[in-house]
C-alpha atoms as a PDB file:
ATOM      1  CA  MET A   1      35.824  89.321 134.289  1.00  0.00           C
ATOM      2  CA  ALA A   2      36.830  91.441 131.325  1.00  0.00           C
ATOM      3  CA  PRO A   3      35.638  90.488 127.845  1.00  0.00           C
ATOM      4  CA  SER A   4      37.857  88.108 125.911  1.00  0.00           C
ATOM      5  CA  SER A   5      38.454  90.570 123.058  1.00  0.00           C
ATOM      6  CA  SER A   6      39.783  93.276 125.383  1.00  0.00           C
ATOM      7  CA  ILE A   7      42.148  90.802 127.081  1.00  0.00           C
ATOM      8  CA  VAL A   8      43.489  89.651 123.720  1.00  0.00           C
ATOM      9  CA  SER A   9      44.106  93.243 122.598  1.00  0.00           C
ATOM     10  CA  LYS A  10      45.964  94.008 125.831  1.00  0.00           C
ATOM     11  CA  LEU A  11      47.886  90.769 125.463  1.00  0.00           C
ATOM     12  CA  LYS A  12      49.063  91.796 121.993  1.00  0.00           C
ATOM     13  CA  VAL A  13      50.540  95.001 123.372  1.00  0.00           C
ATOM     14  CA  GLN A  14      52.269  93.220 126.247  1.00  0.00           C
ATOM     15  CA  LEU A  15      53.686  90.546 123.941  1.00  0.00           C
ATOM     16  CA  LYS A  16      55.226  93.204 121.682  1.00  0.00           C
ATOM     17  CA  LEU A  17      56.718  94.999 124.694  1.00  0.00           C
ATOM     18  CA  SER A  18      57.994  91.696 126.060  1.00  0.00           C
ATOM     19  CA  ILE A  19      59.768  90.833 122.802  1.00  0.00           C
ATOM     20  CA  SER A  20      61.594  94.158 122.641  1.00  0.00           C
ATOM     21  CA  ARG A  21      62.478  94.015 126.342  1.00  0.00           C
ATOM     22  CA  LEU A  22      63.795  90.442 126.088  1.00  0.00           C
ATOM     23  CA  ARG A  23      66.062  91.421 123.213  1.00  0.00           C
ATOM     24  CA  MET A  24      67.484  94.355 125.161  1.00  0.00           C
ATOM     25  CA  VAL A  25      68.195  92.163 128.196  1.00  0.00           C
ATOM     26  CA  GLN A  26      69.956  89.582 126.010  1.00  0.00           C
ATOM     27  CA  GLN A  27      72.199  92.236 124.463  1.00  0.00           C
ATOM     28  CA  LYS A  28      73.038  93.645 127.891  1.00  0.00           C
ATOM     29  CA  ASP A  29      73.880  90.215 129.329  1.00  0.00           C
ATOM     30  CA  THR A  30      76.065  89.409 126.323  1.00  0.00           C
ATOM     31  CA  ALA A  31      78.074  92.614 126.755  1.00  0.00           C
ATOM     32  CA  ILE A  32      78.560  91.919 130.483  1.00  0.00           C
ATOM     33  CA  ALA A  33      79.647  88.347 129.724  1.00  0.00           C
ATOM     34  CA  LYS A  34      82.346  89.633 127.356  1.00  0.00           C
ATOM     35  CA  GLN A  35      83.801  91.833 130.106  1.00  0.00           C
ATOM     36  CA  GLN A  36      83.745  88.917 132.530  1.00  0.00           C
ATOM     37  CA  ARG A  37      85.562  86.723 130.015  1.00  0.00           C
ATOM     38  CA  ARG A  38      88.355  89.306 129.752  1.00  0.00           C
ATOM     39  CA  GLN A  39      88.653  89.280 133.535  1.00  0.00           C
ATOM     40  CA  MET A  40      88.843  85.475 133.535  1.00  0.00           C
ATOM     41  CA  ALA A  41      91.627  85.596 130.957  1.00  0.00           C
ATOM     42  CA  HIS A  42      93.530  88.094 133.118  1.00  0.00           C
ATOM     43  CA  LEU A  43      93.184  85.819 136.173  1.00  0.00           C
ATOM     44  CA  LEU A  44      94.439  82.829 134.199  1.00  0.00           C
ATOM     45  CA  GLU A  45      97.387  84.853 132.964  1.00  0.00           C
ATOM     46  CA  LEU A  46      98.265  85.785 136.569  1.00  0.00           C
ATOM     47  CA  GLY A  47      97.994  82.137 137.608  1.00  0.00           C
ATOM     48  CA  LYS A  48      94.880  82.587 139.819  1.00  0.00           C
ATOM     49  CA  GLU A  49      93.192  79.438 138.626  1.00  0.00           C
ATOM     50  CA  GLU A  50      90.964  78.801 141.684  1.00  0.00           C
ATOM     51  CA  SER A  51      89.510  82.294 141.552  1.00  0.00           C
ATOM     52  CA  ALA A  52      88.868  81.900 137.837  1.00  0.00           C
ATOM     53  CA  ARG A  53      87.064  78.578 138.379  1.00  0.00           C
ATOM     54  CA  ILE A  54      84.693  80.157 140.906  1.00  0.00           C
ATOM     55  CA  ARG A  55      83.960  83.239 138.828  1.00  0.00           C
ATOM     56  CA  VAL A  56      83.451  81.341 135.587  1.00  0.00           C
ATOM     57  CA  GLU A  57      80.315  79.771 137.115  1.00  0.00           C
ATOM     58  CA  ASN A  58      78.669  83.199 136.911  1.00  0.00           C
ATOM     59  CA  ILE A  59      79.438  83.290 133.186  1.00  0.00           C
ATOM     60  CA  ILE A  60      77.921  79.828 132.719  1.00  0.00           C
ATOM     61  CA  ARG A  61      74.753  80.838 134.601  1.00  0.00           C
ATOM     62  CA  SER A  62      74.519  84.066 132.579  1.00  0.00           C
ATOM     63  CA  ASP A  63      74.745  82.098 129.327  1.00  0.00           C
ATOM     64  CA  ILE A  64      72.007  79.721 130.468  1.00  0.00           C
ATOM     65  CA  THR A  65      69.757  82.654 131.401  1.00  0.00           C
ATOM     66  CA  THR A  66      70.352  84.274 128.015  1.00  0.00           C
ATOM     67  CA  GLU A  67      69.319  81.029 126.284  1.00  0.00           C
ATOM     68  CA  LEU A  68      66.150  80.911 128.417  1.00  0.00           C
ATOM     69  CA  LEU A  69      65.238  84.483 127.440  1.00  0.00           C
ATOM     70  CA  GLU A  70      65.735  83.596 123.813  1.00  0.00           C
ATOM     71  CA  ILE A  71      63.310  80.659 124.137  1.00  0.00           C
ATOM     72  CA  LEU A  72      60.696  82.858 125.832  1.00  0.00           C
ATOM     73  CA  GLU A  73      61.115  85.463 123.093  1.00  0.00           C
ATOM     74  CA  LEU A  74      60.335  82.808 120.472  1.00  0.00           C
ATOM     75  CA  TYR A  75      57.202  81.768 122.410  1.00  0.00           C
ATOM     76  CA  CYS A  76      56.025  85.403 122.566  1.00  0.00           C
ATOM     77  CA  GLU A  77      56.514  85.757 118.815  1.00  0.00           C
ATOM     78  CA  LEU A  78      54.519  82.547 118.288  1.00  0.00           C
ATOM     79  CA  LEU A  79      51.597  83.815 120.383  1.00  0.00           C
ATOM     80  CA  LEU A  80      51.694  87.162 118.598  1.00  0.00           C
ATOM     81  CA  ALA A  81      51.556  85.434 115.226  1.00  0.00           C
ATOM     82  CA  ARG A  82      48.616  83.240 116.320  1.00  0.00           C
ATOM     83  CA  THR A  83      46.498  85.807 118.150  1.00  0.00           C
ATOM     84  CA  GLY A  84      43.451  84.575 116.242  1.00  0.00           C
ATOM     85  CA  LEU A  85      43.640  81.306 118.186  1.00  0.00           C
ATOM     86  CA  LEU A  86      43.560  83.202 121.507  1.00  0.00           C
ATOM     87  CA  GLU A  87      39.961  84.373 121.011  1.00  0.00           C
ATOM     88  CA  PRO A  88      38.195  81.165 122.134  1.00  0.00           C
ATOM     89  CA  LYS A  89      37.683  80.562 125.849  1.00  0.00           C
ATOM     90  CA  GLU A  90      39.454  77.204 125.825  1.00  0.00           C
ATOM     91  CA  CYS A  91      43.172  77.043 125.108  1.00  0.00           C
ATOM     92  CA  ASP A  92      44.150  75.744 121.691  1.00  0.00           C
ATOM     93  CA  PRO A  93      46.225  72.526 121.901  1.00  0.00           C
ATOM     94  CA  GLY A  94      48.868  74.020 119.603  1.00  0.00           C
ATOM     95  CA  LEU A  95      49.369  76.969 121.992  1.00  0.00           C
ATOM     96  CA  GLU A  96      49.254  75.043 125.249  1.00  0.00           C
ATOM     97  CA  GLU A  97      53.037  74.491 125.457  1.00  0.00           C
ATOM     98  CA  PRO A  98      54.123  78.128 124.845  1.00  0.00           C
ATOM     99  CA  ILE A  99      51.402  79.552 127.145  1.00  0.00           C
ATOM    100  CA  LYS A 100      52.163  77.205 130.053  1.00  0.00           C
ATOM    101  CA  SER A 101      55.916  77.683 129.561  1.00  0.00           C
ATOM    102  CA  ILE A 102      55.481  81.472 129.849  1.00  0.00           C
ATOM    103  CA  ILE A 103      53.267  81.098 132.942  1.00  0.00           C
ATOM    104  CA  TYR A 104      55.850  78.786 134.526  1.00  0.00           C
ATOM    105  CA  ALA A 105      59.037  80.759 133.638  1.00  0.00           C
ATOM    106  CA  ALA A 106      57.941  84.419 133.755  1.00  0.00           C
ATOM    107  CA  PRO A 107      58.170  84.822 137.575  1.00  0.00           C
ATOM    108  CA  ARG A 108      61.769  83.550 137.429  1.00  0.00           C
ATOM    109  CA  THR A 109      62.852  86.396 135.147  1.00  0.00           C
ATOM    110  CA  ASP A 110      63.321  90.139 135.722  1.00  0.00           C
ATOM    111  CA  VAL A 111      61.262  91.185 132.679  1.00  0.00           C
ATOM    112  CA  LYS A 112      58.190  93.038 133.977  1.00  0.00           C
ATOM    113  CA  GLU A 113      56.479  93.136 130.585  1.00  0.00           C
ATOM    114  CA  LEU A 114      56.597  89.348 130.411  1.00  0.00           C
ATOM    115  CA  GLN A 115      55.067  89.114 133.895  1.00  0.00           C
ATOM    116  CA  HIS A 116      52.205  91.402 132.818  1.00  0.00           C
ATOM    117  CA  ALA A 117      51.589  89.143 129.810  1.00  0.00           C
ATOM    118  CA  ARG A 118      51.534  86.165 132.205  1.00  0.00           C
ATOM    119  CA  GLN A 119      48.858  87.850 134.358  1.00  0.00           C
ATOM    120  CA  LEU A 120      46.672  88.416 131.310  1.00  0.00           C
ATOM    121  CA  LEU A 121      47.046  84.746 130.287  1.00  0.00           C
ATOM    122  CA  VAL A 122      46.069  83.620 133.806  1.00  0.00           C
ATOM    123  CA  GLU A 123      43.068  85.974 133.749  1.00  0.00           C
ATOM    124  CA  LYS A 124      41.922  84.615 130.393  1.00  0.00           C
ATOM    125  CA  TYR A 125      42.269  80.857 130.998  1.00  0.00           C
ATOM    126  CA  GLY A 126      41.525  80.697 134.753  1.00  0.00           C
ATOM    127  CA  LYS A 127      43.273  79.739 137.956  1.00  0.00           C
ATOM    128  CA  GLU A 128      43.047  75.984 137.408  1.00  0.00           C
ATOM    129  CA  PHE A 129      44.850  76.291 134.087  1.00  0.00           C
ATOM    130  CA  ALA A 130      47.516  78.468 135.705  1.00  0.00           C
ATOM    131  CA  LEU A 131      47.934  76.001 138.609  1.00  0.00           C
ATOM    132  CA  GLU A 132      48.528  73.158 136.176  1.00  0.00           C
ATOM    133  CA  ALA A 133      51.199  75.244 134.434  1.00  0.00           C
ATOM    134  CA  ILE A 134      52.907  76.259 137.693  1.00  0.00           C
ATOM    135  CA  GLU A 135      53.049  72.699 139.045  1.00  0.00           C
ATOM    136  CA  ASN A 136      53.541  71.175 135.578  1.00  0.00           C
ATOM    137  CA  SER A 137      51.159  68.399 136.566  1.00  0.00           C
ATOM    138  CA  ASP A 138      50.321  67.522 132.965  1.00  0.00           C
ATOM    139  CA  GLY A 139      53.910  67.887 131.681  1.00  0.00           C
ATOM    140  CA  LYS A 140      53.053  70.538 129.087  1.00  0.00           C
ATOM    141  CA  VAL A 141      55.886  72.894 130.028  1.00  0.00           C
ATOM    142  CA  ALA A 142      58.752  72.613 127.533  1.00  0.00           C
ATOM    143  CA  GLU A 143      61.565  70.352 128.686  1.00  0.00           C
ATOM    144  CA  ARG A 144      64.274  72.802 127.601  1.00  0.00           C
ATOM    145  CA  VAL A 145      62.661  75.515 129.747  1.00  0.00           C
ATOM    146  CA  LEU A 146      62.716  73.215 132.779  1.00  0.00           C
ATOM    147  CA  LYS A 147      66.342  72.346 132.087  1.00  0.00           C
ATOM    148  CA  LYS A 148      67.414  76.005 131.864  1.00  0.00           C
ATOM    149  CA  LEU A 149      65.663  76.818 135.163  1.00  0.00           C
ATOM    150  CA  LYS A 150      67.366  74.073 137.164  1.00  0.00           C
ATOM    151  CA  VAL A 151      69.543  75.412 139.986  1.00  0.00           C
ATOM    152  CA  GLU A 152      72.579  73.150 140.254  1.00  0.00           C
ATOM    153  CA  PRO A 153      76.361  73.619 140.162  1.00  0.00           C
ATOM    154  CA  PRO A 154      77.903  73.271 136.705  1.00  0.00           C
ATOM    155  CA  ASP A 155      79.796  70.158 135.745  1.00  0.00           C
ATOM    156  CA  PRO A 156      83.592  70.419 136.349  1.00  0.00           C
ATOM    157  CA  GLU A 157      84.201  69.326 132.785  1.00  0.00           C
ATOM    158  CA  LEU A 158      82.050  72.208 131.546  1.00  0.00           C
ATOM    159  CA  VAL A 159      84.052  74.609 133.721  1.00  0.00           C
ATOM    160  CA  ASN A 160      87.310  73.354 132.194  1.00  0.00           C
ATOM    161  CA  LEU A 161      85.919  73.737 128.684  1.00  0.00           C
ATOM    162  CA  TYR A 162      84.897  77.327 129.427  1.00  0.00           C
ATOM    163  CA  LEU A 163      88.324  78.171 130.822  1.00  0.00           C
ATOM    164  CA  LYS A 164      90.125  76.587 127.870  1.00  0.00           C
ATOM    165  CA  GLU A 165      87.957  78.460 125.387  1.00  0.00           C
ATOM    166  CA  ILE A 166      88.536  81.773 127.187  1.00  0.00           C
ATOM    167  CA  ALA A 167      92.298  81.151 127.301  1.00  0.00           C
ATOM    168  CA  ARG A 168      92.378  80.249 123.595  1.00  0.00           C
ATOM    169  CA  THR A 169      90.306  83.303 122.615  1.00  0.00           C
ATOM    170  CA  TYR A 170      92.514  85.781 124.487  1.00  0.00           C
ATOM    171  CA  GLY A 171      95.838  84.040 123.759  1.00  0.00           C
ATOM    172  CA  VAL A 172      96.612  82.880 127.316  1.00  0.00           C
ATOM    173  CA  ASP A 173      98.888  79.876 127.845  1.00  0.00           C
ATOM    174  CA  TRP A 174      96.597  77.740 130.024  1.00  0.00           C
ATOM    175  CA  PRO A 175      97.134  75.014 131.106  1.00  0.00           C
ATOM    176  CA  LYS A 176     100.853  75.773 131.195  1.00  0.00           C
ATOM    177  CA  GLY A 177     102.830  74.168 128.365  1.00  0.00           C
ATOM    178  CA  GLU A 178      99.779  73.069 126.377  1.00  0.00           C
ATOM    179  CA  LYS A 179     100.153  75.936 123.908  1.00  0.00           C
ATOM    180  CA  ARG A 180     103.771  74.994 123.209  1.00  0.00           C
ATOM    181  CA  GLN A 181     102.828  71.375 122.603  1.00  0.00           C
ATOM    182  CA  ASP A 182     100.131  72.473 120.159  1.00  0.00           C
ATOM    183  CA  HIS A 183     102.669  74.592 118.260  1.00  0.00           C
ATOM    184  CA  GLY A 184     105.056  71.652 118.118  1.00  0.00           C
ATOM    185  CA  ASN A 185     102.343  69.374 116.725  1.00  0.00           C
ATOM    186  CA  ASP A 186     101.416  71.968 114.121  1.00  0.00           C
ATOM    187  CA  GLU A 187     105.019  72.228 112.958  1.00  0.00           C
ATOM    188  CA  ASP A 188     105.275  68.444 112.602  1.00  0.00           C
ATOM    189  CA  GLU A 189     102.071  68.335 110.579  1.00  0.00           C
ATOM    190  CA  ASP A 190     103.176  71.208 108.344  1.00  0.00           C
ATOM    191  CA  SER A 191     106.623  69.712 107.599  1.00  0.00           C
ATOM    192  CA  PRO A 192     106.669  68.287 104.038  1.00  0.00           C
ATOM    193  CA  THR A 193     109.045  65.425 104.920  1.00  0.00           C
ATOM    194  CA  GLY A 194     106.672  63.828 107.396  1.00  0.00           C
ATOM    195  CA  GLY A 195     109.397  63.520 110.041  1.00  0.00           C
ATOM    196  CA  GLN A 196     112.059  62.102 107.704  1.00  0.00           C
ATOM    197  CA  ALA A 197     115.519  63.601 107.398  1.00  0.00           C
ATOM    198  CA  VAL A 198     116.109  65.923 104.470  1.00  0.00           C
ATOM    199  CA  LYS A 199     118.905  64.875 102.112  1.00  0.00           C
ATOM    200  CA  ASN A 200     121.935  67.139 101.763  1.00  0.00           C
ATOM    201  CA  LEU A 201     122.072  69.356  98.721  1.00  0.00           C
ATOM    202  CA  GLU A 202     124.670  68.845  95.978  1.00  0.00           C
ATOM    203  CA  GLU A 203     128.000  70.629  96.274  1.00  0.00           C
ATOM    204  CA  PRO A 204     128.288  73.910  94.330  1.00  0.00           C
ATOM    205  CA  LEU A 205     130.325  74.007  91.091  1.00  0.00           C
ATOM    206  CA  THR A 206     133.874  75.335  91.123  1.00  0.00           C
ATOM    207  CA  THR A 207     135.124  78.364  89.147  1.00  0.00           C
ATOM    208  CA  GLU A 208     136.874  76.227  86.498  1.00  0.00           C
ATOM    209  CA  GLU A 209     133.755  74.167  85.831  1.00  0.00           C
ATOM    210  CA  LEU A 210     131.719  77.338  85.472  1.00  0.00           C
ATOM    211  CA  ASN A 211     134.228  78.747  82.942  1.00  0.00           C
ATOM    212  CA  LYS A 212     134.077  75.570  80.848  1.00  0.00           C
ATOM    213  CA  ALA A 213     130.331  75.474  80.857  1.00  0.00           C
ATOM    214  CA  THR A 214     128.484  76.856  77.834  1.00  0.00           C
ATOM    215  CA  PRO A 215     126.465  79.954  78.684  1.00  0.00           C
ATOM    216  CA  PRO A 216     122.747  79.746  77.983  1.00  0.00           C
ATOM    217  CA  ARG A 217     121.352  81.381  74.878  1.00  0.00           C
ATOM    218  CA  ASP A 218     119.083  83.725  76.760  1.00  0.00           C
ATOM    219  CA  LEU A 219     121.989  85.175  78.739  1.00  0.00           C
ATOM    220  CA  GLY A 220     122.565  88.912  78.302  1.00  0.00           C
ATOM    221  CA  PRO A 221     120.329  91.860  77.513  1.00  0.00           C
ATOM    222  CA  LYS A 222     117.326  91.214  75.341  1.00  0.00           C
ATOM    223  CA  SER A 223     115.843  93.496  72.717  1.00  0.00           C
ATOM    224  CA  PRO A 224     112.654  95.168  73.893  1.00  0.00           C
ATOM    225  CA  VAL A 225     111.081  94.515  70.479  1.00  0.00           C
ATOM    226  CA  SER A 226     110.493  90.939  69.389  1.00  0.00           C
ATOM    227  CA  ILE A 227     108.779  89.780  66.198  1.00  0.00           C
ATOM    228  CA  ALA A 228     107.148  86.395  66.147  1.00  0.00           C
ATOM    229  CA  PRO A 229     107.609  84.605  62.795  1.00  0.00           C
ATOM    230  CA  PRO A 230     104.376  84.064  60.896  1.00  0.00           C
ATOM    231  CA  SER A 231     102.993  80.568  60.973  1.00  0.00           C
ATOM    232  CA  PRO A 232     102.291  78.755  57.662  1.00  0.00           C
ATOM    233  CA  SER A 233      98.723  78.258  56.539  1.00  0.00           C
ATOM    234  CA  THR A 234      96.922  76.731  53.585  1.00  0.00           C
ATOM    235  CA  ASP A 235      96.725  80.105  51.813  1.00  0.00           C
ATOM    236  CA  ASN A 236     100.329  81.048  52.491  1.00  0.00           C
ATOM    237  CA  VAL A 237     102.579  78.005  52.665  1.00  0.00           C
ATOM    238  CA  ASN A 238     105.865  79.942  52.824  1.00  0.00           C
ATOM    239  CA  PRO A 239     105.124  83.050  54.847  1.00  0.00           C
ATOM    240  CA  ARG A 240     107.560  85.945  54.910  1.00  0.00           C
ATOM    241  CA  ILE A 241     107.831  89.021  56.974  1.00  0.00           C
ATOM    242  CA  LYS A 242     106.997  92.158  55.005  1.00  0.00           C
ATOM    243  CA  LEU A 243     108.661  95.282  56.278  1.00  0.00           C
ATOM    244  CA  PRO A 244     106.916  98.583  55.656  1.00  0.00           C
ATOM    245  CA  GLY A 245     108.408 100.581  52.715  1.00  0.00           C
ATOM    246  CA  PRO A 246     108.081 104.193  51.588  1.00  0.00           C
ATOM    247  CA  PRO A 247     104.541 105.279  50.825  1.00  0.00           C
ATOM    248  CA  GLU A 248     103.459 105.372  47.185  1.00  0.00           C
ATOM    249  CA  LEU A 249     103.084 108.884  45.775  1.00  0.00           C
ATOM    250  CA  LYS A 250      99.747 109.572  44.133  1.00  0.00           C
ATOM    251  CA  PRO A 251      99.245 112.621  41.884  1.00  0.00           C
ATOM    252  CA  SER A 252      96.944 115.275  43.200  1.00  0.00           C
ATOM    253  CA  ALA A 253      93.945 116.596  41.266  1.00  0.00           C
ATOM    254  CA  LYS A 254      95.866 119.721  40.155  1.00  0.00           C
ATOM    255  CA  MET A 255      98.835 117.765  38.802  1.00  0.00           C
ATOM    256  CA  SER A 256      96.600 115.275  37.005  1.00  0.00           C
ATOM    257  CA  GLY A 257      94.835 118.188  35.251  1.00  0.00           C
ATOM    258  CA  LEU A 258      98.199 119.648  34.268  1.00  0.00           C
ATOM    259  CA  LYS A 259      99.224 116.284  32.852  1.00  0.00           C
ATOM    260  CA  LYS A 260      96.111 116.146  30.667  1.00  0.00           C
ATOM    261  CA  ASP A 261      96.569 119.704  29.303  1.00  0.00           C
ATOM    262  CA  THR A 262     100.269 119.421  28.466  1.00  0.00           C
ATOM    263  CA  PRO A 263     100.114 116.859  25.576  1.00  0.00           C
ATOM    264  CA  SER A 264      97.319 118.711  23.760  1.00  0.00           C
ATOM    265  CA  THR A 265      99.128 122.041  23.832  1.00  0.00           C
ATOM    266  CA  GLN A 266     102.377 120.393  22.840  1.00  0.00           C
ATOM    267  CA  THR A 267     100.781 118.665  19.838  1.00  0.00           C
ATOM    268  CA  GLN A 268      99.502 122.019  18.629  1.00  0.00           C
ATOM    269  CA  SER A 269     102.900 123.689  18.865  1.00  0.00           C
ATOM    270  CA  ASP A 270     104.966 120.679  17.910  1.00  0.00           C
ATOM    271  CA  PRO A 271     102.869 118.214  15.850  1.00  0.00           C
ATOM    272  CA  LYS A 272     105.775 115.882  15.320  1.00  0.00           C
ATOM    273  CA  GLY A 273     106.370 115.261  19.047  1.00  0.00           C
ATOM    274  CA  LYS A 274     109.204 113.290  20.487  1.00  0.00           C
ATOM    275  CA  ASP A 275     108.995 109.901  22.015  1.00  0.00           C
ATOM    276  CA  GLU A 276     112.052 110.494  24.120  1.00  0.00           C
ATOM    277  CA  GLU A 277     110.292 113.210  26.130  1.00  0.00           C
ATOM    278  CA  GLY A 278     107.347 111.016  27.088  1.00  0.00           C
ATOM    279  CA  PRO A 279     108.827 109.546  30.224  1.00  0.00           C
ATOM    280  CA  LYS A 280     109.846 113.017  31.455  1.00  0.00           C
ATOM    281  CA  LYS A 281     106.217 114.186  31.539  1.00  0.00           C
ATOM    282  CA  LEU A 282     105.105 111.486  33.926  1.00  0.00           C
ATOM    283  CA  VAL A 283     104.514 112.528  37.506  1.00  0.00           C
ATOM    284  CA  GLY A 284     106.881 110.816  39.852  1.00  0.00           C
ATOM    285  CA  GLY A 285     109.546 110.290  37.054  1.00  0.00           C
ATOM    286  CA  LYS A 286     112.720 112.295  36.370  1.00  0.00           C
ATOM    287  CA  ILE A 287     112.855 116.030  37.030  1.00  0.00           C
ATOM    288  CA  PRO A 288     112.402 118.022  33.694  1.00  0.00           C
ATOM    289  CA  ASP A 289     115.218 120.328  32.593  1.00  0.00           C
ATOM    290  CA  VAL A 290     115.034 124.107  32.082  1.00  0.00           C
ATOM    291  CA  ASP A 291     114.216 123.945  28.356  1.00  0.00           C
ATOM    292  CA  GLU A 292     111.310 121.634  28.957  1.00  0.00           C
ATOM    293  CA  LEU A 293     109.888 123.903  31.630  1.00  0.00           C
ATOM    294  CA  SER A 294     110.193 126.981  29.396  1.00  0.00           C
ATOM    295  CA  ARG A 295     108.336 125.186  26.602  1.00  0.00           C
ATOM    296  CA  ARG A 296     105.550 124.227  29.047  1.00  0.00           C
ATOM    297  CA  PHE A 297     105.116 127.784  30.284  1.00  0.00           C
ATOM    298  CA  ALA A 298     105.076 129.103  26.673  1.00  0.00           C
ATOM    299  CA  ALA A 299     102.382 126.590  25.829  1.00  0.00           C
ATOM    300  CA  LEU A 300     100.293 127.627  28.817  1.00  0.00           C
ATOM    301  CA  LYS A 301     100.498 131.326  27.923  1.00  0.00           C
ATOM    302  CA  ARG A 302      99.075 130.645  24.482  1.00  0.00           C
END
């Protein structure tokens, strides 16, 4: 008999291979089941109901097998996560159900890696332990595993449910007339009146009544620019709209210097001065005449 440590190390490898292999088989079976469902829908569309009922049993059995492989995959992951409990010679009570379920169900599958893992478990825990698992004398094999491995014809009600689901998925009218009844029920539920008669609408107005009627205020083209009136506040009780006016002219630095030099030169040449000419010298006032300009240039030359 090989040492326990070597068996556990080999068992780890086989469990990892079994998990990957189980996943691949599940994906393959799911893809095949989809193709079979399309074929069932085509048979229902052609009216071959008896043939569809016989063939749909293969789909049901394939789904049950896929569920069984998923359960065994979970048990393999559990054993791989608890490999430390596999070291003792006696089986741990927490691992007794997954180990015996694998020993019982592995020969009924086509996964070779899982069968190799089963052989290693039998070699580790002995023939008596394996015989108990095979016969399920102590009832430690999982009930859901036993249920999935039962060989019995499917219930007729389950067959009908499968066929209805396939027909609904692929848009096939089966049973005949049921799809129309469903559409009729949907229309009744969606109607806002709840089955009551809708009242007739009012008669339209005549041309004379329309001519007498006052047109609405918002009739006609509207201006693209609209100004909302300002709302009153505590600071501004009577608000008004202020339209933008012409910008205020401010004297430049050169003109302001000219303005400062002009009165001094004029007082030297004309000490008396004239009050009437004062407003003419302001920037932004009236335009000076020719005589005034000549006097300014004469003053600047001096």
